[in-house]
Amino acid sequence: MATEFQQKVWDAVDAIPEGKVTTYGHIAKAAGRPNTARYISRIVGQHPDAKNVPWHRIVYANGTIWCPEEHEVERKKRYRKEGIALKGNKIVNFNDVLYTF
């Protein structure tokens, strides 16, 4: 059973629209605990359907993506499909695609 905070984090992640990204900090703030950004990834990983979480829509505050090698091809394909432009591992149009709840 999820805690109230976990559920709020999961709900926030589920609410990120296609073609947008948000940061760990924005998710923490939306879930009611703005100082917990460093824990968001762990909580999202505990999502009951973690394989289908839109991980590519969660990025660092400076617009850099976290892209593990085993998921790089698929994630970068998703960014292109959603109109999110990358240069290396940085979102070029970060301000245009940032979702802040």
PDB file of N, CA and C in Angstrom:
ATOM      1  N   MET A   1       0.848  -1.186   0.000  1.00  0.00           N
ATOM      2  CA  MET A   1       0.000   0.000   0.000  1.00  0.00           C
ATOM      3  C   MET A   1       0.893   1.248   0.000  1.00  0.00           C
ATOM      4  N   ALA A   2       0.543   2.174  -0.824  1.00  0.00           N
ATOM      5  CA  ALA A   2       1.328   3.398  -0.969  1.00  0.00           C
ATOM      6  C   ALA A   2       1.022   4.389   0.148  1.00  0.00           C
ATOM      7  N   THR A   3       2.037   5.153   0.508  1.00  0.00           N
ATOM      8  CA  THR A   3       1.795   6.255   1.431  1.00  0.00           C
ATOM      9  C   THR A   3       1.103   7.375   0.669  1.00  0.00           C
ATOM     10  N   GLU A   4       0.568   8.315   1.389  1.00  0.00           N
ATOM     11  CA  GLU A   4      -0.092   9.453   0.751  1.00  0.00           C
ATOM     12  C   GLU A   4       0.897  10.222  -0.132  1.00  0.00           C
ATOM     13  N   PHE A   5       2.116  10.393   0.358  1.00  0.00           N
ATOM     14  CA  PHE A   5       3.131  11.108  -0.413  1.00  0.00           C
ATOM     15  C   PHE A   5       3.492  10.346  -1.684  1.00  0.00           C
ATOM     16  N   GLN A   6       3.702   9.044  -1.584  1.00  0.00           N
ATOM     17  CA  GLN A   6       3.996   8.243  -2.778  1.00  0.00           C
ATOM     18  C   GLN A   6       2.886   8.412  -3.809  1.00  0.00           C
ATOM     19  N   GLN A   7       1.645   8.322  -3.372  1.00  0.00           N
ATOM     20  CA  GLN A   7       0.528   8.434  -4.303  1.00  0.00           C
ATOM     21  C   GLN A   7       0.502   9.801  -4.968  1.00  0.00           C
ATOM     22  N   LYS A   8       0.793  10.850  -4.204  1.00  0.00           N
ATOM     23  CA  LYS A   8       0.835  12.195  -4.780  1.00  0.00           C
ATOM     24  C   LYS A   8       1.946  12.310  -5.819  1.00  0.00           C
ATOM     25  N   VAL A   9       3.088  11.699  -5.552  1.00  0.00           N
ATOM     26  CA  VAL A   9       4.189  11.702  -6.523  1.00  0.00           C
ATOM     27  C   VAL A   9       3.754  10.978  -7.781  1.00  0.00           C
ATOM     28  N   TRP A  10       3.193   9.795  -7.627  1.00  0.00           N
ATOM     29  CA  TRP A  10       2.754   9.016  -8.786  1.00  0.00           C
ATOM     30  C   TRP A  10       1.688   9.757  -9.586  1.00  0.00           C
ATOM     31  N   ASP A  11       0.764  10.401  -8.890  1.00  0.00           N
ATOM     32  CA  ASP A  11      -0.278  11.175  -9.578  1.00  0.00           C
ATOM     33  C   ASP A  11       0.330  12.339 -10.353  1.00  0.00           C
ATOM     34  N   ALA A  12       1.322  12.996  -9.760  1.00  0.00           N
ATOM     35  CA  ALA A  12       1.983  14.108 -10.445  1.00  0.00           C
ATOM     36  C   ALA A  12       2.677  13.617 -11.710  1.00  0.00           C
ATOM     37  N   VAL A  13       3.383  12.507 -11.607  1.00  0.00           N
ATOM     38  CA  VAL A  13       4.069  11.959 -12.779  1.00  0.00           C
ATOM     39  C   VAL A  13       3.066  11.575 -13.862  1.00  0.00           C
ATOM     40  N   ASP A  14       1.974  10.969 -13.456  1.00  0.00           N
ATOM     41  CA  ASP A  14       0.940  10.578 -14.419  1.00  0.00           C
ATOM     42  C   ASP A  14       0.296  11.785 -15.102  1.00  0.00           C
ATOM     43  N   ALA A  15       0.367  12.942 -14.460  1.00  0.00           N
ATOM     44  CA  ALA A  15      -0.270  14.151 -14.995  1.00  0.00           C
ATOM     45  C   ALA A  15       0.605  14.914 -15.992  1.00  0.00           C
ATOM     46  N   ILE A  16       1.866  14.538 -16.148  1.00  0.00           N
ATOM     47  CA  ILE A  16       2.746  15.258 -17.079  1.00  0.00           C
ATOM     48  C   ILE A  16       2.235  15.000 -18.503  1.00  0.00           C
ATOM     49  N   PRO A  17       1.831  16.058 -19.203  1.00  0.00           N
ATOM     50  CA  PRO A  17       1.273  15.847 -20.540  1.00  0.00           C
ATOM     51  C   PRO A  17       2.326  15.413 -21.565  1.00  0.00           C
ATOM     52  N   GLU A  18       1.859  14.737 -22.578  1.00  0.00           N
ATOM     53  CA  GLU A  18       2.730  14.369 -23.694  1.00  0.00           C
ATOM     54  C   GLU A  18       3.318  15.642 -24.291  1.00  0.00           C
ATOM     55  N   GLY A  19       4.588  15.599 -24.628  1.00  0.00           N
ATOM     56  CA  GLY A  19       5.248  16.757 -25.221  1.00  0.00           C
ATOM     57  C   GLY A  19       5.786  17.742 -24.205  1.00  0.00           C
ATOM     58  N   LYS A  20       5.664  17.396 -22.924  1.00  0.00           N
ATOM     59  CA  LYS A  20       6.160  18.248 -21.845  1.00  0.00           C
ATOM     60  C   LYS A  20       7.101  17.444 -20.954  1.00  0.00           C
ATOM     61  N   VAL A  21       7.913  18.142 -20.200  1.00  0.00           N
ATOM     62  CA  VAL A  21       8.769  17.527 -19.184  1.00  0.00           C
ATOM     63  C   VAL A  21       8.607  18.328 -17.911  1.00  0.00           C
ATOM     64  N   THR A  22       8.981  17.722 -16.810  1.00  0.00           N
ATOM     65  CA  THR A  22       9.033  18.438 -15.549  1.00  0.00           C
ATOM     66  C   THR A  22      10.257  17.967 -14.786  1.00  0.00           C
ATOM     67  N   THR A  23      10.558  18.634 -13.709  1.00  0.00           N
ATOM     68  CA  THR A  23      11.749  18.305 -12.940  1.00  0.00           C
ATOM     69  C   THR A  23      11.389  17.541 -11.676  1.00  0.00           C
ATOM     70  N   TYR A  24      12.405  16.925 -11.104  1.00  0.00           N
ATOM     71  CA  TYR A  24      12.221  16.226  -9.833  1.00  0.00           C
ATOM     72  C   TYR A  24      11.709  17.207  -8.770  1.00  0.00           C
ATOM     73  N   GLY A  25      12.231  18.414  -8.796  1.00  0.00           N
ATOM     74  CA  GLY A  25      11.813  19.438  -7.837  1.00  0.00           C
ATOM     75  C   GLY A  25      10.372  19.851  -8.007  1.00  0.00           C
ATOM     76  N   HIS A  26       9.919  19.980  -9.257  1.00  0.00           N
ATOM     77  CA  HIS A  26       8.522  20.342  -9.486  1.00  0.00           C
ATOM     78  C   HIS A  26       7.581  19.233  -9.016  1.00  0.00           C
ATOM     79  N   ILE A  27       7.991  17.995  -9.203  1.00  0.00           N
ATOM     80  CA  ILE A  27       7.171  16.875  -8.733  1.00  0.00           C
ATOM     81  C   ILE A  27       7.101  16.890  -7.201  1.00  0.00           C
ATOM     82  N   ALA A  28       8.243  17.098  -6.556  1.00  0.00           N
ATOM     83  CA  ALA A  28       8.263  17.152  -5.092  1.00  0.00           C
ATOM     84  C   ALA A  28       7.350  18.259  -4.581  1.00  0.00           C
ATOM     85  N   LYS A  29       7.421  19.413  -5.211  1.00  0.00           N
ATOM     86  CA  LYS A  29       6.567  20.544  -4.809  1.00  0.00           C
ATOM     87  C   LYS A  29       5.090  20.225  -5.033  1.00  0.00           C
ATOM     88  N   ALA A  30       4.768  19.633  -6.177  1.00  0.00           N
ATOM     89  CA  ALA A  30       3.377  19.278  -6.479  1.00  0.00           C
ATOM     90  C   ALA A  30       2.836  18.251  -5.486  1.00  0.00           C
ATOM     91  N   ALA A  31       3.731  17.405  -4.972  1.00  0.00           N
ATOM     92  CA  ALA A  31       3.321  16.380  -4.011  1.00  0.00           C
ATOM     93  C   ALA A  31       3.291  16.912  -2.578  1.00  0.00           C
ATOM     94  N   GLY A  32       3.652  18.183  -2.410  1.00  0.00           N
ATOM     95  CA  GLY A  32       3.537  18.801  -1.098  1.00  0.00           C
ATOM     96  C   GLY A  32       4.795  18.788  -0.242  1.00  0.00           C
ATOM     97  N   ARG A  33       5.906  18.324  -0.792  1.00  0.00           N
ATOM     98  CA  ARG A  33       7.163  18.291  -0.032  1.00  0.00           C
ATOM     99  C   ARG A  33       8.304  18.816  -0.909  1.00  0.00           C
ATOM    100  N   PRO A  34       8.390  20.138  -1.043  1.00  0.00           N
ATOM    101  CA  PRO A  34       9.344  20.733  -1.985  1.00  0.00           C
ATOM    102  C   PRO A  34      10.815  20.432  -1.714  1.00  0.00           C
ATOM    103  N   ASN A  35      11.160  20.004  -0.535  1.00  0.00           N
ATOM    104  CA  ASN A  35      12.572  19.731  -0.223  1.00  0.00           C
ATOM    105  C   ASN A  35      12.961  18.266  -0.400  1.00  0.00           C
ATOM    106  N   THR A  36      12.170  17.508  -1.120  1.00  0.00           N
ATOM    107  CA  THR A  36      12.430  16.076  -1.254  1.00  0.00           C
ATOM    108  C   THR A  36      12.759  15.646  -2.683  1.00  0.00           C
ATOM    109  N   ALA A  37      13.228  16.551  -3.498  1.00  0.00           N
ATOM    110  CA  ALA A  37      13.481  16.243  -4.912  1.00  0.00           C
ATOM    111  C   ALA A  37      14.408  15.046  -5.094  1.00  0.00           C
ATOM    112  N   ARG A  38      15.379  14.902  -4.228  1.00  0.00           N
ATOM    113  CA  ARG A  38      16.353  13.815  -4.401  1.00  0.00           C
ATOM    114  C   ARG A  38      15.730  12.437  -4.179  1.00  0.00           C
ATOM    115  N   TYR A  39      14.543  12.362  -3.605  1.00  0.00           N
ATOM    116  CA  TYR A  39      13.889  11.080  -3.356  1.00  0.00           C
ATOM    117  C   TYR A  39      12.874  10.690  -4.433  1.00  0.00           C
ATOM    118  N   ILE A  40      12.576  11.619  -5.319  1.00  0.00           N
ATOM    119  CA  ILE A  40      11.505  11.395  -6.293  1.00  0.00           C
ATOM    120  C   ILE A  40      11.780  10.198  -7.192  1.00  0.00           C
ATOM    121  N   SER A  41      12.989  10.072  -7.684  1.00  0.00           N
ATOM    122  CA  SER A  41      13.315   8.953  -8.572  1.00  0.00           C
ATOM    123  C   SER A  41      13.056   7.610  -7.891  1.00  0.00           C
ATOM    124  N   ARG A  42      13.455   7.499  -6.642  1.00  0.00           N
ATOM    125  CA  ARG A  42      13.238   6.246  -5.893  1.00  0.00           C
ATOM    126  C   ARG A  42      11.740   5.966  -5.747  1.00  0.00           C
ATOM    127  N   ILE A  43      10.971   6.993  -5.429  1.00  0.00           N
ATOM    128  CA  ILE A  43       9.528   6.819  -5.250  1.00  0.00           C
ATOM    129  C   ILE A  43       8.862   6.446  -6.577  1.00  0.00           C
ATOM    130  N   VAL A  44       9.268   7.095  -7.646  1.00  0.00           N
ATOM    131  CA  VAL A  44       8.705   6.766  -8.959  1.00  0.00           C
ATOM    132  C   VAL A  44       9.050   5.322  -9.321  1.00  0.00           C
ATOM    133  N   GLY A  45      10.247   4.888  -8.962  1.00  0.00           N
ATOM    134  CA  GLY A  45      10.651   3.508  -9.219  1.00  0.00           C
ATOM    135  C   GLY A  45       9.824   2.485  -8.463  1.00  0.00           C
ATOM    136  N   GLN A  46       9.138   2.912  -7.418  1.00  0.00           N
ATOM    137  CA  GLN A  46       8.274   2.031  -6.639  1.00  0.00           C
ATOM    138  C   GLN A  46       6.838   2.005  -7.170  1.00  0.00           C
ATOM    139  N   HIS A  47       6.594   2.761  -8.240  1.00  0.00           N
ATOM    140  CA  HIS A  47       5.259   2.795  -8.858  1.00  0.00           C
ATOM    141  C   HIS A  47       4.853   1.366  -9.223  1.00  0.00           C
ATOM    142  N   PRO A  48       3.606   0.984  -8.953  1.00  0.00           N
ATOM    143  CA  PRO A  48       3.164  -0.383  -9.254  1.00  0.00           C
ATOM    144  C   PRO A  48       3.325  -0.769 -10.724  1.00  0.00           C
ATOM    145  N   ASP A  49       3.334   0.223 -11.611  1.00  0.00           N
ATOM    146  CA  ASP A  49       3.485  -0.028 -13.043  1.00  0.00           C
ATOM    147  C   ASP A  49       4.709   0.738 -13.552  1.00  0.00           C
ATOM    148  N   ALA A  50       5.824   0.603 -12.850  1.00  0.00           N
ATOM    149  CA  ALA A  50       7.031   1.405 -13.117  1.00  0.00           C
ATOM    150  C   ALA A  50       7.535   1.284 -14.545  1.00  0.00           C
ATOM    151  N   LYS A  51       7.305   0.151 -15.189  1.00  0.00           N
ATOM    152  CA  LYS A  51       7.771  -0.020 -16.571  1.00  0.00           C
ATOM    153  C   LYS A  51       7.047   0.917 -17.533  1.00  0.00           C
ATOM    154  N   ASN A  52       5.852   1.352 -17.170  1.00  0.00           N
ATOM    155  CA  ASN A  52       5.073   2.215 -18.058  1.00  0.00           C
ATOM    156  C   ASN A  52       5.037   3.672 -17.615  1.00  0.00           C
ATOM    157  N   VAL A  53       5.830   4.011 -16.629  1.00  0.00           N
ATOM    158  CA  VAL A  53       5.937   5.402 -16.184  1.00  0.00           C
ATOM    159  C   VAL A  53       6.661   6.192 -17.273  1.00  0.00           C
ATOM    160  N   PRO A  54       6.205   7.406 -17.579  1.00  0.00           N
ATOM    161  CA  PRO A  54       6.886   8.209 -18.605  1.00  0.00           C
ATOM    162  C   PRO A  54       8.176   8.832 -18.063  1.00  0.00           C
ATOM    163  N   TRP A  55       9.160   7.968 -17.797  1.00  0.00           N
ATOM    164  CA  TRP A  55      10.429   8.416 -17.207  1.00  0.00           C
ATOM    165  C   TRP A  55      11.074   9.522 -18.022  1.00  0.00           C
ATOM    166  N   HIS A  56      10.904   9.483 -19.332  1.00  0.00           N
ATOM    167  CA  HIS A  56      11.551  10.485 -20.186  1.00  0.00           C
ATOM    168  C   HIS A  56      11.028  11.895 -19.932  1.00  0.00           C
ATOM    169  N   ARG A  57       9.908  12.020 -19.270  1.00  0.00           N
ATOM    170  CA  ARG A  57       9.327  13.336 -18.987  1.00  0.00           C
ATOM    171  C   ARG A  57       9.813  13.921 -17.662  1.00  0.00           C
ATOM    172  N   ILE A  58      10.679  13.209 -16.959  1.00  0.00           N
ATOM    173  CA  ILE A  58      11.238  13.700 -15.694  1.00  0.00           C
ATOM    174  C   ILE A  58      12.714  14.000 -15.940  1.00  0.00           C
ATOM    175  N   VAL A  59      13.098  15.256 -15.741  1.00  0.00           N
ATOM    176  CA  VAL A  59      14.451  15.694 -16.076  1.00  0.00           C
ATOM    177  C   VAL A  59      15.049  16.512 -14.940  1.00  0.00           C
ATOM    178  N   TYR A  60      16.325  16.802 -15.071  1.00  0.00           N
ATOM    179  CA  TYR A  60      17.001  17.646 -14.082  1.00  0.00           C
ATOM    180  C   TYR A  60      16.601  19.107 -14.270  1.00  0.00           C
ATOM    181  N   ALA A  61      16.797  19.901 -13.231  1.00  0.00           N
ATOM    182  CA  ALA A  61      16.367  21.307 -13.218  1.00  0.00           C
ATOM    183  C   ALA A  61      17.033  22.160 -14.288  1.00  0.00           C
ATOM    184  N   ASN A  62      18.171  21.735 -14.801  1.00  0.00           N
ATOM    185  CA  ASN A  62      18.847  22.511 -15.844  1.00  0.00           C
ATOM    186  C   ASN A  62      18.493  22.047 -17.255  1.00  0.00           C
ATOM    187  N   GLY A  63      17.525  21.134 -17.362  1.00  0.00           N
ATOM    188  CA  GLY A  63      17.091  20.658 -18.674  1.00  0.00           C
ATOM    189  C   GLY A  63      17.891  19.489 -19.205  1.00  0.00           C
ATOM    190  N   THR A  64      18.743  18.923 -18.377  1.00  0.00           N
ATOM    191  CA  THR A  64      19.517  17.748 -18.776  1.00  0.00           C
ATOM    192  C   THR A  64      18.681  16.501 -18.515  1.00  0.00           C
ATOM    193  N   ILE A  65      18.754  15.562 -19.434  1.00  0.00           N
ATOM    194  CA  ILE A  65      18.023  14.308 -19.258  1.00  0.00           C
ATOM    195  C   ILE A  65      18.924  13.268 -18.617  1.00  0.00           C
ATOM    196  N   TRP A  66      18.328  12.349 -17.917  1.00  0.00           N
ATOM    197  CA  TRP A  66      19.028  11.179 -17.413  1.00  0.00           C
ATOM    198  C   TRP A  66      18.625  10.050 -18.324  1.00  0.00           C
ATOM    199  N   CYS A  67      19.589   9.476 -18.987  1.00  0.00           N
ATOM    200  CA  CYS A  67      19.285   8.470 -19.989  1.00  0.00           C
ATOM    201  C   CYS A  67      20.244   7.294 -19.860  1.00  0.00           C
ATOM    202  N   PRO A  68      19.853   6.263 -19.099  1.00  0.00           N
ATOM    203  CA  PRO A  68      20.729   5.101 -18.983  1.00  0.00           C
ATOM    204  C   PRO A  68      20.948   4.444 -20.351  1.00  0.00           C
ATOM    205  N   GLU A  69      22.125   3.953 -20.552  1.00  0.00           N
ATOM    206  CA  GLU A  69      22.518   3.397 -21.852  1.00  0.00           C
ATOM    207  C   GLU A  69      21.521   2.383 -22.393  1.00  0.00           C
ATOM    208  N   GLU A  70      20.997   1.531 -21.519  1.00  0.00           N
ATOM    209  CA  GLU A  70      20.080   0.481 -21.999  1.00  0.00           C
ATOM    210  C   GLU A  70      18.733   1.033 -22.479  1.00  0.00           C
ATOM    211  N   HIS A  71      18.430   2.285 -22.149  1.00  0.00           N
ATOM    212  CA  HIS A  71      17.166   2.894 -22.572  1.00  0.00           C
ATOM    213  C   HIS A  71      17.357   4.071 -23.529  1.00  0.00           C
ATOM    214  N   GLU A  72      18.610   4.370 -23.876  1.00  0.00           N
ATOM    215  CA  GLU A  72      18.904   5.586 -24.630  1.00  0.00           C
ATOM    216  C   GLU A  72      18.175   5.666 -25.964  1.00  0.00           C
ATOM    217  N   VAL A  73      18.215   4.637 -26.767  1.00  0.00           N
ATOM    218  CA  VAL A  73      17.594   4.671 -28.096  1.00  0.00           C
ATOM    219  C   VAL A  73      16.094   4.912 -27.965  1.00  0.00           C
ATOM    220  N   GLU A  74      15.436   4.154 -27.091  1.00  0.00           N
ATOM    221  CA  GLU A  74      13.987   4.291 -26.934  1.00  0.00           C
ATOM    222  C   GLU A  74      13.600   5.656 -26.381  1.00  0.00           C
ATOM    223  N   ARG A  75      14.312   6.123 -25.382  1.00  0.00           N
ATOM    224  CA  ARG A  75      13.967   7.426 -24.786  1.00  0.00           C
ATOM    225  C   ARG A  75      14.153   8.555 -25.784  1.00  0.00           C
ATOM    226  N   LYS A  76      15.254   8.547 -26.500  1.00  0.00           N
ATOM    227  CA  LYS A  76      15.494   9.620 -27.469  1.00  0.00           C
ATOM    228  C   LYS A  76      14.462   9.581 -28.595  1.00  0.00           C
ATOM    229  N   LYS A  77      14.004   8.399 -28.934  1.00  0.00           N
ATOM    230  CA  LYS A  77      12.922   8.253 -29.908  1.00  0.00           C
ATOM    231  C   LYS A  77      11.637   8.892 -29.367  1.00  0.00           C
ATOM    232  N   ARG A  78      11.358   8.697 -28.092  1.00  0.00           N
ATOM    233  CA  ARG A  78      10.163   9.293 -27.471  1.00  0.00           C
ATOM    234  C   ARG A  78      10.254  10.816 -27.449  1.00  0.00           C
ATOM    235  N   TYR A  79      11.446  11.347 -27.142  1.00  0.00           N
ATOM    236  CA  TYR A  79      11.613  12.805 -27.154  1.00  0.00           C
ATOM    237  C   TYR A  79      11.305  13.350 -28.540  1.00  0.00           C
ATOM    238  N   ARG A  80      11.869  12.733 -29.577  1.00  0.00           N
ATOM    239  CA  ARG A  80      11.614  13.199 -30.950  1.00  0.00           C
ATOM    240  C   ARG A  80      10.122  13.145 -31.274  1.00  0.00           C
ATOM    241  N   LYS A  81       9.488  12.038 -30.922  1.00  0.00           N
ATOM    242  CA  LYS A  81       8.058  11.860 -31.203  1.00  0.00           C
ATOM    243  C   LYS A  81       7.216  12.946 -30.528  1.00  0.00           C
ATOM    244  N   GLU A  82       7.634  13.380 -29.324  1.00  0.00           N
ATOM    245  CA  GLU A  82       6.869  14.369 -28.572  1.00  0.00           C
ATOM    246  C   GLU A  82       7.312  15.807 -28.845  1.00  0.00           C
ATOM    247  N   GLY A  83       8.245  15.994 -29.793  1.00  0.00           N
ATOM    248  CA  GLY A  83       8.661  17.344 -30.164  1.00  0.00           C
ATOM    249  C   GLY A  83       9.615  17.995 -29.179  1.00  0.00           C
ATOM    250  N   ILE A  84      10.323  17.184 -28.419  1.00  0.00           N
ATOM    251  CA  ILE A  84      11.284  17.687 -27.444  1.00  0.00           C
ATOM    252  C   ILE A  84      12.666  17.557 -28.068  1.00  0.00           C
ATOM    253  N   ALA A  85      13.261  18.708 -28.385  1.00  0.00           N
ATOM    254  CA  ALA A  85      14.542  18.725 -29.090  1.00  0.00           C
ATOM    255  C   ALA A  85      15.706  18.567 -28.122  1.00  0.00           C
ATOM    256  N   LEU A  86      16.641  17.703 -28.500  1.00  0.00           N
ATOM    257  CA  LEU A  86      17.829  17.459 -27.684  1.00  0.00           C
ATOM    258  C   LEU A  86      19.094  17.847 -28.435  1.00  0.00           C
ATOM    259  N   LYS A  87      20.070  18.279 -27.675  1.00  0.00           N
ATOM    260  CA  LYS A  87      21.437  18.421 -28.171  1.00  0.00           C
ATOM    261  C   LYS A  87      22.292  17.696 -27.149  1.00  0.00           C
ATOM    262  N   GLY A  88      22.747  16.521 -27.523  1.00  0.00           N
ATOM    263  CA  GLY A  88      23.398  15.643 -26.554  1.00  0.00           C
ATOM    264  C   GLY A  88      22.349  15.165 -25.566  1.00  0.00           C
ATOM    265  N   ASN A  89      22.578  15.407 -24.298  1.00  0.00           N
ATOM    266  CA  ASN A  89      21.609  15.028 -23.269  1.00  0.00           C
ATOM    267  C   ASN A  89      20.950  16.251 -22.636  1.00  0.00           C
ATOM    268  N   LYS A  90      20.848  17.320 -23.392  1.00  0.00           N
ATOM    269  CA  LYS A  90      20.239  18.558 -22.885  1.00  0.00           C
ATOM    270  C   LYS A  90      19.053  18.925 -23.782  1.00  0.00           C
ATOM    271  N   ILE A  91      17.966  19.329 -23.166  1.00  0.00           N
ATOM    272  CA  ILE A  91      16.774  19.737 -23.914  1.00  0.00           C
ATOM    273  C   ILE A  91      16.996  21.152 -24.436  1.00  0.00           C
ATOM    274  N   VAL A  92      16.935  21.294 -25.753  1.00  0.00           N
ATOM    275  CA  VAL A  92      17.176  22.579 -26.402  1.00  0.00           C
ATOM    276  C   VAL A  92      16.039  23.559 -26.111  1.00  0.00           C
ATOM    277  N   ASN A  93      14.816  23.078 -26.194  1.00  0.00           N
ATOM    278  CA  ASN A  93      13.631  23.923 -26.012  1.00  0.00           C
ATOM    279  C   ASN A  93      13.033  23.753 -24.616  1.00  0.00           C
ATOM    280  N   PHE A  94      13.905  23.671 -23.619  1.00  0.00           N
ATOM    281  CA  PHE A  94      13.493  23.362 -22.246  1.00  0.00           C
ATOM    282  C   PHE A  94      12.404  24.292 -21.726  1.00  0.00           C
ATOM    283  N   ASN A  95      12.569  25.584 -21.868  1.00  0.00           N
ATOM    284  CA  ASN A  95      11.564  26.531 -21.351  1.00  0.00           C
ATOM    285  C   ASN A  95      10.213  26.361 -22.036  1.00  0.00           C
ATOM    286  N   ASP A  96      10.233  25.938 -23.291  1.00  0.00           N
ATOM    287  CA  ASP A  96       8.971  25.751 -24.027  1.00  0.00           C
ATOM    288  C   ASP A  96       8.234  24.487 -23.609  1.00  0.00           C
ATOM    289  N   VAL A  97       8.955  23.482 -23.158  1.00  0.00           N
ATOM    290  CA  VAL A  97       8.318  22.198 -22.854  1.00  0.00           C
ATOM    291  C   VAL A  97       8.216  21.911 -21.352  1.00  0.00           C
ATOM    292  N   LEU A  98       8.658  22.852 -20.527  1.00  0.00           N
ATOM    293  CA  LEU A  98       8.624  22.642 -19.077  1.00  0.00           C
ATOM    294  C   LEU A  98       7.196  22.737 -18.544  1.00  0.00           C
ATOM    295  N   TYR A  99       6.786  21.717 -17.829  1.00  0.00           N
ATOM    296  CA  TYR A  99       5.461  21.645 -17.212  1.00  0.00           C
ATOM    297  C   TYR A  99       5.639  21.855 -15.718  1.00  0.00           C
ATOM    298  N   THR A 100       4.888  22.810 -15.141  1.00  0.00           N
ATOM    299  CA  THR A 100       5.091  23.149 -13.739  1.00  0.00           C
ATOM    300  C   THR A 100       3.854  22.956 -12.859  1.00  0.00           C
ATOM    301  N   PHE A 101       2.894  22.192 -13.276  1.00  0.00           N
ATOM    302  CA  PHE A 101       1.694  21.872 -12.488  1.00  0.00           C
ATOM    303  C   PHE A 101       0.900  23.106 -12.213  1.00  0.00           C
TER     304      PHE A 101
END
